C-alpha atoms as a PDB file:
ATOM      1  CA  MET A   1       6.173  18.932  10.768  1.00  0.00           C
ATOM      2  CA  THR A   2       8.634  16.109  10.193  1.00  0.00           C
ATOM      3  CA  ARG A   3       7.689  12.639   8.766  1.00  0.00           C
ATOM      4  CA  PRO A   4      10.118   9.772   8.491  1.00  0.00           C
ATOM      5  CA  ILE A   5      11.015   8.895   4.856  1.00  0.00           C
ATOM      6  CA  THR A   6      11.214   5.136   4.414  1.00  0.00           C
ATOM      7  CA  LEU A   7      11.774   2.672   1.504  1.00  0.00           C
ATOM      8  CA  PHE A   8       9.107   0.180   0.660  1.00  0.00           C
ATOM      9  CA  THR A   9      11.137  -3.111   0.115  1.00  0.00           C
ATOM     10  CA  GLY A  10       8.638  -4.883  -2.019  1.00  0.00           C
ATOM     11  CA  GLN A  11      10.156  -3.996  -5.282  1.00  0.00           C
ATOM     12  CA  TRP A  12      13.624  -4.924  -3.818  1.00  0.00           C
ATOM     13  CA  ALA A  13      12.587  -8.587  -2.781  1.00  0.00           C
ATOM     14  CA  ASP A  14      14.955  -9.941  -5.460  1.00  0.00           C
ATOM     15  CA  LEU A  15      17.921  -8.720  -3.126  1.00  0.00           C
ATOM     16  CA  PRO A  16      18.558 -10.238   0.303  1.00  0.00           C
ATOM     17  CA  PHE A  17      17.025  -8.144   3.202  1.00  0.00           C
ATOM     18  CA  GLU A  18      20.331  -7.407   4.645  1.00  0.00           C
ATOM     19  CA  GLU A  19      21.554  -5.847   1.282  1.00  0.00           C
ATOM     20  CA  VAL A  20      18.462  -3.722   0.929  1.00  0.00           C
ATOM     21  CA  ALA A  21      18.955  -2.398   4.531  1.00  0.00           C
ATOM     22  CA  ARG A  22      22.592  -1.603   3.801  1.00  0.00           C
ATOM     23  CA  LEU A  23      21.603   0.326   0.695  1.00  0.00           C
ATOM     24  CA  ALA A  24      18.740   2.213   2.356  1.00  0.00           C
ATOM     25  CA  GLY A  25      20.936   3.261   5.232  1.00  0.00           C
ATOM     26  CA  GLU A  26      23.807   4.461   2.987  1.00  0.00           C
ATOM     27  CA  TRP A  27      21.468   6.479   0.994  1.00  0.00           C
ATOM     28  CA  GLY A  28      20.059   8.129   3.954  1.00  0.00           C
ATOM     29  CA  PHE A  29      16.509   6.523   4.533  1.00  0.00           C
ATOM     30  CA  GLU A  30      15.169   6.721   8.110  1.00  0.00           C
ATOM     31  CA  GLY A  31      13.385   3.280   8.024  1.00  0.00           C
ATOM     32  CA  LEU A  32      11.841   0.632   5.991  1.00  0.00           C
ATOM     33  CA  GLU A  33       8.370  -0.533   5.011  1.00  0.00           C
ATOM     34  CA  ILE A  34       9.284  -4.080   5.117  1.00  0.00           C
ATOM     35  CA  ALA A  35       7.673  -6.487   2.616  1.00  0.00           C
ATOM     36  CA  CYS A  36       6.600  -9.947   3.677  1.00  0.00           C
ATOM     37  CA  TRP A  37       7.981 -11.787   0.499  1.00  0.00           C
ATOM     38  CA  GLY A  38      11.325 -12.533  -0.744  1.00  0.00           C
ATOM     39  CA  ASP A  39      13.503 -13.217   2.295  1.00  0.00           C
ATOM     40  CA  HIS A  40      12.632  -9.782   3.816  1.00  0.00           C
ATOM     41  CA  LEU A  41       9.960 -10.885   6.406  1.00  0.00           C
ATOM     42  CA  ASP A  42       8.206 -14.185   7.194  1.00  0.00           C
ATOM     43  CA  PRO A  43       5.373 -13.198   9.534  1.00  0.00           C
ATOM     44  CA  ARG A  44       4.995 -16.602  10.924  1.00  0.00           C
ATOM     45  CA  ARG A  45       8.612 -16.995  11.846  1.00  0.00           C
ATOM     46  CA  ALA A  46       8.564 -13.408  13.325  1.00  0.00           C
ATOM     47  CA  VAL A  47       5.737 -14.484  15.651  1.00  0.00           C
ATOM     48  CA  GLU A  48       7.195 -17.868  16.693  1.00  0.00           C
ATOM     49  CA  ASP A  49      11.049 -17.555  16.433  1.00  0.00           C
ATOM     50  CA  ASP A  50      12.648 -15.030  18.859  1.00  0.00           C
ATOM     51  CA  LEU A  51      16.005 -15.432  17.228  1.00  0.00           C
ATOM     52  CA  TYR A  52      14.625 -14.765  13.708  1.00  0.00           C
ATOM     53  CA  LEU A  53      12.800 -11.680  15.011  1.00  0.00           C
ATOM     54  CA  GLN A  54      15.904 -10.313  16.822  1.00  0.00           C
ATOM     55  CA  GLY A  55      17.957 -10.979  13.732  1.00  0.00           C
ATOM     56  CA  ARG A  56      15.716  -8.584  11.663  1.00  0.00           C
ATOM     57  CA  LEU A  57      15.955  -5.887  14.470  1.00  0.00           C
ATOM     58  CA  ASP A  58      19.694  -6.256  14.531  1.00  0.00           C
ATOM     59  CA  ILE A  59      19.913  -5.688  10.725  1.00  0.00           C
ATOM     60  CA  LEU A  60      17.915  -2.488  11.018  1.00  0.00           C
ATOM     61  CA  GLU A  61      19.930  -1.279  14.033  1.00  0.00           C
ATOM     62  CA  LYS A  62      23.250  -2.013  12.200  1.00  0.00           C
ATOM     63  CA  ASN A  63      22.091   0.266   9.321  1.00  0.00           C
ATOM     64  CA  ASN A  64      20.533   3.064  11.614  1.00  0.00           C
ATOM     65  CA  LEU A  65      17.025   2.192  10.307  1.00  0.00           C
ATOM     66  CA  LYS A  66      13.677   1.746  12.088  1.00  0.00           C
ATOM     67  CA  VAL A  67      10.601  -0.246  10.942  1.00  0.00           C
ATOM     68  CA  PHE A  68       7.531   1.948  10.691  1.00  0.00           C
ATOM     69  CA  ALA A  69       5.340  -0.402   8.754  1.00  0.00           C
ATOM     70  CA  ILE A  70       5.251  -3.892   7.327  1.00  0.00           C
ATOM     71  CA  ALA A  71       3.623  -4.742   4.048  1.00  0.00           C
ATOM     72  CA  ASN A  72       1.670  -7.961   3.021  1.00  0.00           C
ATOM     73  CA  HIS A  73      -0.031  -6.958  -0.160  1.00  0.00           C
ATOM     74  CA  LEU A  74       0.354 -10.385  -1.861  1.00  0.00           C
ATOM     75  CA  THR A  75      -1.192 -12.557   0.766  1.00  0.00           C
ATOM     76  CA  GLY A  76      -3.947  -9.933   1.583  1.00  0.00           C
ATOM     77  CA  GLN A  77      -4.883 -10.105  -2.030  1.00  0.00           C
ATOM     78  CA  ALA A  78      -5.953 -13.733  -1.590  1.00  0.00           C
ATOM     79  CA  VAL A  79      -8.409 -13.153   1.270  1.00  0.00           C
ATOM     80  CA  CYS A  80     -11.228 -11.934  -0.897  1.00  0.00           C
ATOM     81  CA  ASP A  81     -10.287 -12.600  -4.556  1.00  0.00           C
ATOM     82  CA  ASP A  82     -12.545 -14.646  -6.922  1.00  0.00           C
ATOM     83  CA  PRO A  83     -11.392 -16.334  -8.921  1.00  0.00           C
ATOM     84  CA  ILE A  84      -8.271 -17.677  -7.277  1.00  0.00           C
ATOM     85  CA  ASP A  85      -6.163 -18.877 -10.014  1.00  0.00           C
ATOM     86  CA  GLU A  86      -2.621 -19.202 -11.565  1.00  0.00           C
ATOM     87  CA  ARG A  87      -1.774 -15.458 -10.905  1.00  0.00           C
ATOM     88  CA  HIS A  88      -2.171 -16.210  -7.096  1.00  0.00           C
ATOM     89  CA  ARG A  89       0.018 -19.351  -7.397  1.00  0.00           C
ATOM     90  CA  ASP A  90       2.741 -16.977  -8.869  1.00  0.00           C
ATOM     91  CA  ILE A  91       2.594 -14.578  -5.741  1.00  0.00           C
ATOM     92  CA  LEU A  92       1.670 -16.659  -2.624  1.00  0.00           C
ATOM     93  CA  PRO A  93       3.905 -18.648  -0.368  1.00  0.00           C
ATOM     94  CA  ASP A  94       3.447 -22.394  -0.448  1.00  0.00           C
ATOM     95  CA  SER A  95       2.139 -22.175   3.051  1.00  0.00           C
ATOM     96  CA  VAL A  96      -0.815 -20.126   1.785  1.00  0.00           C
ATOM     97  CA  TRP A  97      -1.347 -21.769  -1.637  1.00  0.00           C
ATOM     98  CA  GLY A  98      -1.433 -25.266  -0.201  1.00  0.00           C
ATOM     99  CA  ASP A  99      -3.329 -27.522  -2.647  1.00  0.00           C
ATOM    100  CA  GLY A 100      -4.798 -24.520  -4.444  1.00  0.00           C
ATOM    101  CA  ASP A 101      -8.339 -25.110  -3.502  1.00  0.00           C
ATOM    102  CA  PRO A 102      -9.771 -21.585  -3.634  1.00  0.00           C
ATOM    103  CA  GLU A 103     -11.621 -21.423  -0.301  1.00  0.00           C
ATOM    104  CA  GLY A 104      -8.675 -23.027   1.412  1.00  0.00           C
ATOM    105  CA  VAL A 105      -6.389 -20.369  -0.166  1.00  0.00           C
ATOM    106  CA  ARG A 106      -8.565 -17.611   1.244  1.00  0.00           C
ATOM    107  CA  THR A 107      -8.758 -19.249   4.663  1.00  0.00           C
ATOM    108  CA  ARG A 108      -5.095 -19.695   4.891  1.00  0.00           C
ATOM    109  CA  ALA A 109      -4.422 -16.112   3.557  1.00  0.00           C
ATOM    110  CA  ALA A 110      -6.747 -14.721   6.340  1.00  0.00           C
ATOM    111  CA  GLU A 111      -4.826 -16.533   8.986  1.00  0.00           C
ATOM    112  CA  ALA A 112      -1.493 -15.290   7.614  1.00  0.00           C
ATOM    113  CA  MET A 113      -2.873 -11.832   7.765  1.00  0.00           C
ATOM    114  CA  LYS A 114      -3.632 -12.280  11.444  1.00  0.00           C
ATOM    115  CA  ASP A 115       0.073 -13.372  12.015  1.00  0.00           C
ATOM    116  CA  THR A 116       1.034 -10.308  10.080  1.00  0.00           C
ATOM    117  CA  ALA A 117      -0.649  -8.121  12.757  1.00  0.00           C
ATOM    118  CA  ARG A 118       1.165 -10.154  15.461  1.00  0.00           C
ATOM    119  CA  ALA A 119       4.415  -9.827  13.752  1.00  0.00           C
ATOM    120  CA  ALA A 120       4.154  -6.087  13.315  1.00  0.00           C
ATOM    121  CA  ALA A 121       3.458  -5.715  16.997  1.00  0.00           C
ATOM    122  CA  ARG A 122       6.590  -7.824  17.872  1.00  0.00           C
ATOM    123  CA  LEU A 123       8.621  -5.725  15.571  1.00  0.00           C
ATOM    124  CA  GLY A 124       7.322  -2.413  17.056  1.00  0.00           C
ATOM    125  CA  ALA A 125       5.557  -1.274  13.772  1.00  0.00           C
ATOM    126  CA  LYS A 126       2.294   0.396  14.238  1.00  0.00           C
ATOM    127  CA  THR A 127       0.867  -0.234  10.753  1.00  0.00           C
ATOM    128  CA  VAL A 128       0.449  -3.054   8.250  1.00  0.00           C
ATOM    129  CA  THR A 129      -0.064  -1.857   4.584  1.00  0.00           C
ATOM    130  CA  GLY A 130      -1.560  -4.193   2.049  1.00  0.00           C
ATOM    131  CA  PHE A 131      -4.392  -5.358  -0.216  1.00  0.00           C
ATOM    132  CA  THR A 132      -7.767  -7.024   0.677  1.00  0.00           C
ATOM    133  CA  GLY A 133      -8.623  -8.604  -2.709  1.00  0.00           C
ATOM    134  CA  SER A 134     -12.098  -8.314  -4.100  1.00  0.00           C
ATOM    135  CA  SER A 135     -14.782 -10.726  -5.138  1.00  0.00           C
ATOM    136  CA  ILE A 136     -16.352  -8.051  -7.402  1.00  0.00           C
ATOM    137  CA  TRP A 137     -13.370  -6.537  -9.187  1.00  0.00           C
ATOM    138  CA  LYS A 138     -14.172  -8.836 -12.017  1.00  0.00           C
ATOM    139  CA  THR A 139     -17.425  -6.908 -12.563  1.00  0.00           C
ATOM    140  CA  VAL A 140     -15.674  -3.534 -13.032  1.00  0.00           C
ATOM    141  CA  ALA A 141     -16.329  -3.408 -16.709  1.00  0.00           C
ATOM    142  CA  MET A 142     -20.130  -3.695 -15.922  1.00  0.00           C
ATOM    143  CA  PHE A 143     -20.893  -6.070 -18.783  1.00  0.00           C
ATOM    144  CA  PRO A 144     -22.531  -8.417 -18.481  1.00  0.00           C
ATOM    145  CA  PRO A 145     -24.386  -6.105 -16.048  1.00  0.00           C
ATOM    146  CA  ALA A 146     -23.700  -6.643 -12.386  1.00  0.00           C
ATOM    147  CA  SER A 147     -26.775  -6.238 -10.255  1.00  0.00           C
ATOM    148  CA  ALA A 148     -26.922  -4.121  -7.129  1.00  0.00           C
ATOM    149  CA  ALA A 149     -27.368  -7.297  -5.145  1.00  0.00           C
ATOM    150  CA  MET A 150     -24.167  -8.812  -6.673  1.00  0.00           C
ATOM    151  CA  ILE A 151     -22.231  -5.740  -5.680  1.00  0.00           C
ATOM    152  CA  ASP A 152     -23.803  -5.784  -2.119  1.00  0.00           C
ATOM    153  CA  ARG A 153     -22.727  -9.362  -1.809  1.00  0.00           C
ATOM    154  CA  GLY A 154     -19.132  -8.414  -2.683  1.00  0.00           C
ATOM    155  CA  TYR A 155     -18.937  -5.793   0.036  1.00  0.00           C
ATOM    156  CA  GLN A 156     -20.718  -8.264   2.638  1.00  0.00           C
ATOM    157  CA  ASP A 157     -18.035 -10.889   1.574  1.00  0.00           C
ATOM    158  CA  PHE A 158     -15.301  -8.386   2.243  1.00  0.00           C
ATOM    159  CA  ALA A 159     -16.742  -7.574   5.656  1.00  0.00           C
ATOM    160  CA  ASP A 160     -17.335 -11.096   6.745  1.00  0.00           C
ATOM    161  CA  ARG A 161     -13.632 -12.126   5.743  1.00  0.00           C
ATOM    162  CA  TRP A 162     -11.855  -9.004   7.013  1.00  0.00           C
ATOM    163  CA  ASN A 163     -13.809  -8.316  10.405  1.00  0.00           C
ATOM    164  CA  PRO A 164     -12.188 -11.456  12.058  1.00  0.00           C
ATOM    165  CA  ILE A 165      -8.835 -10.317  10.766  1.00  0.00           C
ATOM    166  CA  MET A 166      -9.363  -6.844  12.206  1.00  0.00           C
ATOM    167  CA  ASP A 167     -10.178  -8.397  15.630  1.00  0.00           C
ATOM    168  CA  VAL A 168      -6.770  -9.722  15.615  1.00  0.00           C
ATOM    169  CA  PHE A 169      -5.298  -6.350  14.532  1.00  0.00           C
ATOM    170  CA  ASP A 170      -7.223  -4.752  17.477  1.00  0.00           C
ATOM    171  CA  GLU A 171      -5.854  -7.147  19.934  1.00  0.00           C
ATOM    172  CA  ALA A 172      -2.244  -6.556  18.696  1.00  0.00           C
ATOM    173  CA  GLY A 173      -2.690  -2.724  18.740  1.00  0.00           C
ATOM    174  CA  VAL A 174      -1.841  -2.578  15.051  1.00  0.00           C
ATOM    175  CA  ARG A 175      -3.566  -0.766  12.177  1.00  0.00           C
ATOM    176  CA  PHE A 176      -4.288  -1.980   8.793  1.00  0.00           C
ATOM    177  CA  ALA A 177      -3.857   0.472   5.918  1.00  0.00           C
ATOM    178  CA  LEU A 178      -5.611  -0.781   2.569  1.00  0.00           C
ATOM    179  CA  GLU A 179      -3.906   0.659  -0.418  1.00  0.00           C
ATOM    180  CA  VAL A 180      -6.686   2.147  -2.700  1.00  0.00           C
ATOM    181  CA  HIS A 181      -5.702   0.440  -5.997  1.00  0.00           C
ATOM    182  CA  PRO A 182      -7.244  -1.345  -8.975  1.00  0.00           C
ATOM    183  CA  SER A 183      -8.196  -4.852  -8.139  1.00  0.00           C
ATOM    184  CA  GLU A 184      -9.158  -3.953  -4.673  1.00  0.00           C
ATOM    185  CA  ILE A 185     -12.444  -3.608  -2.837  1.00  0.00           C
ATOM    186  CA  ALA A 186     -11.603   0.097  -2.656  1.00  0.00           C
ATOM    187  CA  TYR A 187     -10.009   1.326  -5.923  1.00  0.00           C
ATOM    188  CA  ASP A 188     -11.347   4.978  -6.240  1.00  0.00           C
ATOM    189  CA  TYR A 189     -13.092   7.719  -4.190  1.00  0.00           C
ATOM    190  CA  TRP A 190     -16.529   6.146  -4.010  1.00  0.00           C
ATOM    191  CA  THR A 191     -15.454   2.566  -3.432  1.00  0.00           C
ATOM    192  CA  ALA A 192     -13.116   3.841  -0.571  1.00  0.00           C
ATOM    193  CA  LYS A 193     -16.187   5.331   1.245  1.00  0.00           C
ATOM    194  CA  ARG A 194     -18.087   2.279   0.676  1.00  0.00           C
ATOM    195  CA  THR A 195     -15.397  -0.018   1.932  1.00  0.00           C
ATOM    196  CA  LEU A 196     -15.058   2.039   5.174  1.00  0.00           C
ATOM    197  CA  GLU A 197     -18.847   1.754   5.670  1.00  0.00           C
ATOM    198  CA  ALA A 198     -18.859  -1.958   4.972  1.00  0.00           C
ATOM    199  CA  ILE A 199     -16.198  -2.558   7.621  1.00  0.00           C
ATOM    200  CA  GLY A 200     -18.222  -0.455  10.049  1.00  0.00           C
ATOM    201  CA  HIS A 201     -15.568   2.416  10.157  1.00  0.00           C
ATOM    202  CA  ARG A 202     -13.493   0.335  12.452  1.00  0.00           C
ATOM    203  CA  GLU A 203     -10.856   2.409  14.247  1.00  0.00           C
ATOM    204  CA  ASN A 204      -7.773   0.418  13.058  1.00  0.00           C
ATOM    205  CA  PHE A 205      -8.971  -0.047   9.452  1.00  0.00           C
ATOM    206  CA  GLY A 206      -7.638   2.856   7.331  1.00  0.00           C
ATOM    207  CA  LEU A 207      -6.030   3.665   4.018  1.00  0.00           C
ATOM    208  CA  ASN A 208      -2.591   3.797   2.459  1.00  0.00           C
ATOM    209  CA  PHE A 209      -2.636   6.866   0.264  1.00  0.00           C
ATOM    210  CA  ASP A 210      -0.791   6.369  -3.132  1.00  0.00           C
ATOM    211  CA  PRO A 211      -1.745   9.049  -5.518  1.00  0.00           C
ATOM    212  CA  SER A 212      -0.081   7.233  -8.517  1.00  0.00           C
ATOM    213  CA  HIS A 213      -3.295   5.196  -8.697  1.00  0.00           C
ATOM    214  CA  PHE A 214      -5.535   8.295  -8.746  1.00  0.00           C
ATOM    215  CA  ILE A 215      -3.784  10.376 -11.423  1.00  0.00           C
ATOM    216  CA  TRP A 216      -4.574   8.053 -14.359  1.00  0.00           C
ATOM    217  CA  GLN A 217      -8.205   7.787 -13.130  1.00  0.00           C
ATOM    218  CA  ASP A 218      -8.478  11.564 -13.188  1.00  0.00           C
ATOM    219  CA  LEU A 219      -9.143  11.609  -9.455  1.00  0.00           C
ATOM    220  CA  ASP A 220      -7.915  14.427  -7.293  1.00  0.00           C
ATOM    221  CA  PRO A 221      -5.391  13.258  -4.562  1.00  0.00           C
ATOM    222  CA  VAL A 222      -5.710  16.522  -2.592  1.00  0.00           C
ATOM    223  CA  MET A 223      -9.486  16.212  -2.322  1.00  0.00           C
ATOM    224  CA  PHE A 224      -9.125  12.565  -1.369  1.00  0.00           C
ATOM    225  CA  LEU A 225      -6.648  13.497   1.519  1.00  0.00           C
ATOM    226  CA  GLN A 226      -8.963  16.182   2.686  1.00  0.00           C
ATOM    227  CA  ASP A 227     -12.180  14.029   2.771  1.00  0.00           C
ATOM    228  CA  PHE A 228     -10.424  10.872   4.131  1.00  0.00           C
ATOM    229  CA  ALA A 229      -8.013  12.850   6.569  1.00  0.00           C
ATOM    230  CA  GLU A 230      -8.794  10.719   9.562  1.00  0.00           C
ATOM    231  CA  LYS A 231      -8.221   7.384   7.640  1.00  0.00           C
ATOM    232  CA  ILE A 232      -4.959   8.163   6.165  1.00  0.00           C
ATOM    233  CA  PHE A 233      -2.626   5.677   7.946  1.00  0.00           C
ATOM    234  CA  HIS A 234       0.285   5.485   5.587  1.00  0.00           C
ATOM    235  CA  VAL A 235       1.551   7.383   2.463  1.00  0.00           C
ATOM    236  CA  HIS A 236       3.333   5.861  -0.570  1.00  0.00           C
ATOM    237  CA  VAL A 237       5.434   8.207  -2.913  1.00  0.00           C
ATOM    238  CA  LYS A 238       5.136   6.864  -6.319  1.00  0.00           C
ATOM    239  CA  GLU A 239       4.035   8.445  -9.650  1.00  0.00           C
ATOM    240  CA  SER A 240       2.164   7.605 -12.787  1.00  0.00           C
ATOM    241  CA  ILE A 241       2.354   9.357 -16.011  1.00  0.00           C
ATOM    242  CA  ARG A 242      -0.551   9.401 -18.655  1.00  0.00           C
ATOM    243  CA  GLN A 243       0.477   8.442 -22.091  1.00  0.00           C
ATOM    244  CA  LEU A 244      -2.798   9.107 -23.870  1.00  0.00           C
ATOM    245  CA  ASP A 245      -2.435   9.799 -27.719  1.00  0.00           C
ATOM    246  CA  GLY A 246      -5.577   8.560 -29.144  1.00  0.00           C
ATOM    247  CA  ARG A 247      -4.423   5.056 -29.454  1.00  0.00           C
ATOM    248  CA  ASN A 248      -3.249   4.336 -25.838  1.00  0.00           C
ATOM    249  CA  GLY A 249      -6.032   3.407 -23.350  1.00  0.00           C
ATOM    250  CA  ARG A 250      -6.398   3.848 -19.570  1.00  0.00           C
ATOM    251  CA  LEU A 251      -6.924   0.082 -18.931  1.00  0.00           C
ATOM    252  CA  GLY A 252      -3.358  -0.730 -20.160  1.00  0.00           C
ATOM    253  CA  SER A 253      -4.175  -3.061 -23.093  1.00  0.00           C
ATOM    254  CA  HIS A 254      -2.601  -6.037 -21.348  1.00  0.00           C
ATOM    255  CA  LEU A 255       0.800  -4.543 -22.068  1.00  0.00           C
ATOM    256  CA  PRO A 256       3.672  -4.654 -19.705  1.00  0.00           C
ATOM    257  CA  TRP A 257       4.965  -1.726 -17.447  1.00  0.00           C
ATOM    258  CA  ALA A 258       7.135   0.569 -19.530  1.00  0.00           C
ATOM    259  CA  ASP A 259       5.636  -0.319 -22.892  1.00  0.00           C
ATOM    260  CA  PRO A 260       4.975   2.999 -24.604  1.00  0.00           C
ATOM    261  CA  ARG A 261       1.722   1.697 -25.974  1.00  0.00           C
ATOM    262  CA  ARG A 262       0.056   1.806 -22.603  1.00  0.00           C
ATOM    263  CA  GLY A 263      -2.163   4.626 -21.663  1.00  0.00           C
ATOM    264  CA  TRP A 264      -0.326   5.099 -18.340  1.00  0.00           C
ATOM    265  CA  ASP A 265       2.690   3.824 -16.596  1.00  0.00           C
ATOM    266  CA  PHE A 266       4.598   4.240 -13.256  1.00  0.00           C
ATOM    267  CA  VAL A 267       7.673   6.503 -13.315  1.00  0.00           C
ATOM    268  CA  THR A 268      10.248   8.000 -10.864  1.00  0.00           C
ATOM    269  CA  ALA A 269       8.907  10.221  -8.150  1.00  0.00           C
ATOM    270  CA  GLY A 270       9.461  13.741  -9.383  1.00  0.00           C
ATOM    271  CA  HIS A 271       9.067  12.730 -13.192  1.00  0.00           C
ATOM    272  CA  GLY A 272       5.287  12.177 -13.483  1.00  0.00           C
ATOM    273  CA  ASP A 273       1.778  13.805 -13.280  1.00  0.00           C
ATOM    274  CA  VAL A 274       1.548  13.944  -9.538  1.00  0.00           C
ATOM    275  CA  LYS A 275       1.765  17.518  -8.095  1.00  0.00           C
ATOM    276  CA  TRP A 276       3.569  16.808  -4.887  1.00  0.00           C
ATOM    277  CA  GLU A 277       3.782  20.297  -3.315  1.00  0.00           C
ATOM    278  CA  PRO A 278      -0.005  20.690  -2.854  1.00  0.00           C
ATOM    279  CA  ILE A 279      -0.095  16.953  -1.544  1.00  0.00           C
ATOM    280  CA  PHE A 280       2.606  17.711   1.062  1.00  0.00           C
ATOM    281  CA  ARG A 281       0.864  20.887   2.083  1.00  0.00           C
ATOM    282  CA  THR A 282      -2.354  18.983   2.410  1.00  0.00           C
ATOM    283  CA  LEU A 283      -0.494  16.243   4.605  1.00  0.00           C
ATOM    284  CA  ASN A 284       0.510  19.195   6.731  1.00  0.00           C
ATOM    285  CA  ALA A 285      -2.767  20.503   7.009  1.00  0.00           C
ATOM    286  CA  ILE A 286      -4.563  17.243   8.045  1.00  0.00           C
ATOM    287  CA  GLY A 287      -1.897  16.619  10.586  1.00  0.00           C
ATOM    288  CA  TYR A 288      -0.450  13.527   9.010  1.00  0.00           C
ATOM    289  CA  ALA A 289       2.881  12.689  10.762  1.00  0.00           C
ATOM    290  CA  GLY A 290       3.342   9.032   9.608  1.00  0.00           C
ATOM    291  CA  PRO A 291       5.879   7.705   7.062  1.00  0.00           C
ATOM    292  CA  THR A 292       6.246   8.828   3.437  1.00  0.00           C
ATOM    293  CA  SER A 293       7.344   5.523   1.987  1.00  0.00           C
ATOM    294  CA  ILE A 294       8.990   5.573  -1.397  1.00  0.00           C
ATOM    295  CA  GLU A 295       7.795   2.585  -3.628  1.00  0.00           C
ATOM    296  CA  TRP A 296       9.838   1.951  -6.628  1.00  0.00           C
ATOM    297  CA  GLU A 297       8.154   0.610  -9.803  1.00  0.00           C
ATOM    298  CA  ASP A 298       9.804   2.594 -12.490  1.00  0.00           C
ATOM    299  CA  ALA A 299      10.750  -0.193 -15.076  1.00  0.00           C
ATOM    300  CA  GLY A 300      12.414   2.446 -17.333  1.00  0.00           C
ATOM    301  CA  MET A 301      14.952   3.704 -14.909  1.00  0.00           C
ATOM    302  CA  ASP A 302      17.861   2.210 -12.785  1.00  0.00           C
ATOM    303  CA  ARG A 303      16.582   1.919  -9.316  1.00  0.00           C
ATOM    304  CA  MET A 304      19.977   2.432  -7.846  1.00  0.00           C
ATOM    305  CA  ILE A 305      19.832   5.833  -9.237  1.00  0.00           C
ATOM    306  CA  GLY A 306      16.180   6.528  -9.015  1.00  0.00           C
ATOM    307  CA  ALA A 307      15.674   5.468  -5.331  1.00  0.00           C
ATOM    308  CA  PRO A 308      18.068   8.073  -3.904  1.00  0.00           C
ATOM    309  CA  GLN A 309      16.836  10.697  -6.284  1.00  0.00           C
ATOM    310  CA  ALA A 310      13.330  10.156  -5.035  1.00  0.00           C
ATOM    311  CA  LEU A 311      14.606  10.378  -1.469  1.00  0.00           C
ATOM    312  CA  ALA A 312      16.238  13.768  -2.219  1.00  0.00           C
ATOM    313  CA  MET A 313      12.984  15.041  -3.745  1.00  0.00           C
ATOM    314  CA  VAL A 314      10.921  13.997  -0.480  1.00  0.00           C
ATOM    315  CA  GLN A 315      13.593  15.469   1.748  1.00  0.00           C
ATOM    316  CA  ASP A 316      13.138  18.700  -0.292  1.00  0.00           C
ATOM    317  CA  LEU A 317       9.367  18.626   0.003  1.00  0.00           C
ATOM    318  CA  ALA A 318       9.693  17.963   3.801  1.00  0.00           C
ATOM    319  CA  ARG A 319      11.042  21.486   4.061  1.00  0.00           C
ATOM    320  CA  ILE A 320       7.651  23.018   3.041  1.00  0.00           C
ATOM    321  CA  ALA A 321       6.392  25.120   5.898  1.00  0.00           C
ATOM    322  CA  PRO A 322       3.004  24.064   7.329  1.00  0.00           C
ATOM    323  CA  PRO A 323       0.043  26.145   6.030  1.00  0.00           C
ATOM    324  CA  GLY A 324      -0.762  29.452   7.547  1.00  0.00           C
ATOM    325  CA  ALA A 325      -3.549  30.169   9.948  1.00  0.00           C
ATOM    326  CA  ALA A 326      -5.815  31.464   7.222  1.00  0.00           C
ATOM    327  CA  PHE A 327      -5.421  28.257   5.247  1.00  0.00           C
ATOM    328  CA  ASP A 328      -6.126  26.154   8.307  1.00  0.00           C
ATOM    329  CA  SER A 329      -9.199  28.215   9.108  1.00  0.00           C
ATOM    330  CA  ALA A 330     -10.442  27.697   5.536  1.00  0.00           C
ATOM    331  CA  PHE A 331      -9.685  23.941   5.632  1.00  0.00           C
ATOM    332  CA  SER A 332     -11.494  23.421   8.922  1.00  0.00           C
ATOM    333  CA  SER A 333     -14.585  25.062   7.701  1.00  0.00           C
ATOM    334  CA  ARG A 334     -15.120  22.332   4.960  1.00  0.00           C
END
């Protein structure tokens, strides 16, 4: 089973899109997961400006790349978040931030996510990856205690805001893959289940699987793949490493990436705590044929070295033969 290996451009947005495409092509990536920030992709322009759209396609073709997904995590985050504050001002385009009025920001973010679906369709991408935000992530510490009614309202708020967005995704024939991630409405196993229930198990609403966010929470990535097999729309290849020593805590202590006092951090694929071989065998078993997208967040390593190194690792993993009939039989009986 072959899967395209792509590079997520989000952590490369300080470079021009044309330069990132050149590097990815030279390294041997098959395509890109194009971020909707920096100068990489403006969804509104991609919808309205044929010349702009064709220019992006020309850059891809010049570098022997395809686009398998586009990513709009930053704008998606603002759809449901509460509070909306200076952190959002730092990540949002002016067109979404506007005057900063929180409800206005959420409304403009929702409209921008609709445009993202339309832009993906025009580019020929089948999937948009991203975040949803959450009005109840602020309650995760559970003190002061959050009532069941407050949590219920949070999931209802998510459904009320995202169902109209998903109507446009349906019209465009594009899927949305929510990255299960701290600060989202779905950040672990049980919140992922509740999120899918809240959105009514819509056909085009699924998940972006990124095991780096599971390992430090002591969640089992293979079990997650098995149980959510039909909703795995996209895969990120990124790792985390636990640095627990009695002082370092899992919540990160408000310390920056790569600070050794953190209880966990992101590292180069192949150098962390993620066991990739069973993950790739499970991707084979569930029939996942979509992209494996390398996401670069290792602040302690030169990305110009680490990105092609990670590509070589995934290429090697891609050679793993699909599981045998006995494994398939056992898996199907779960």
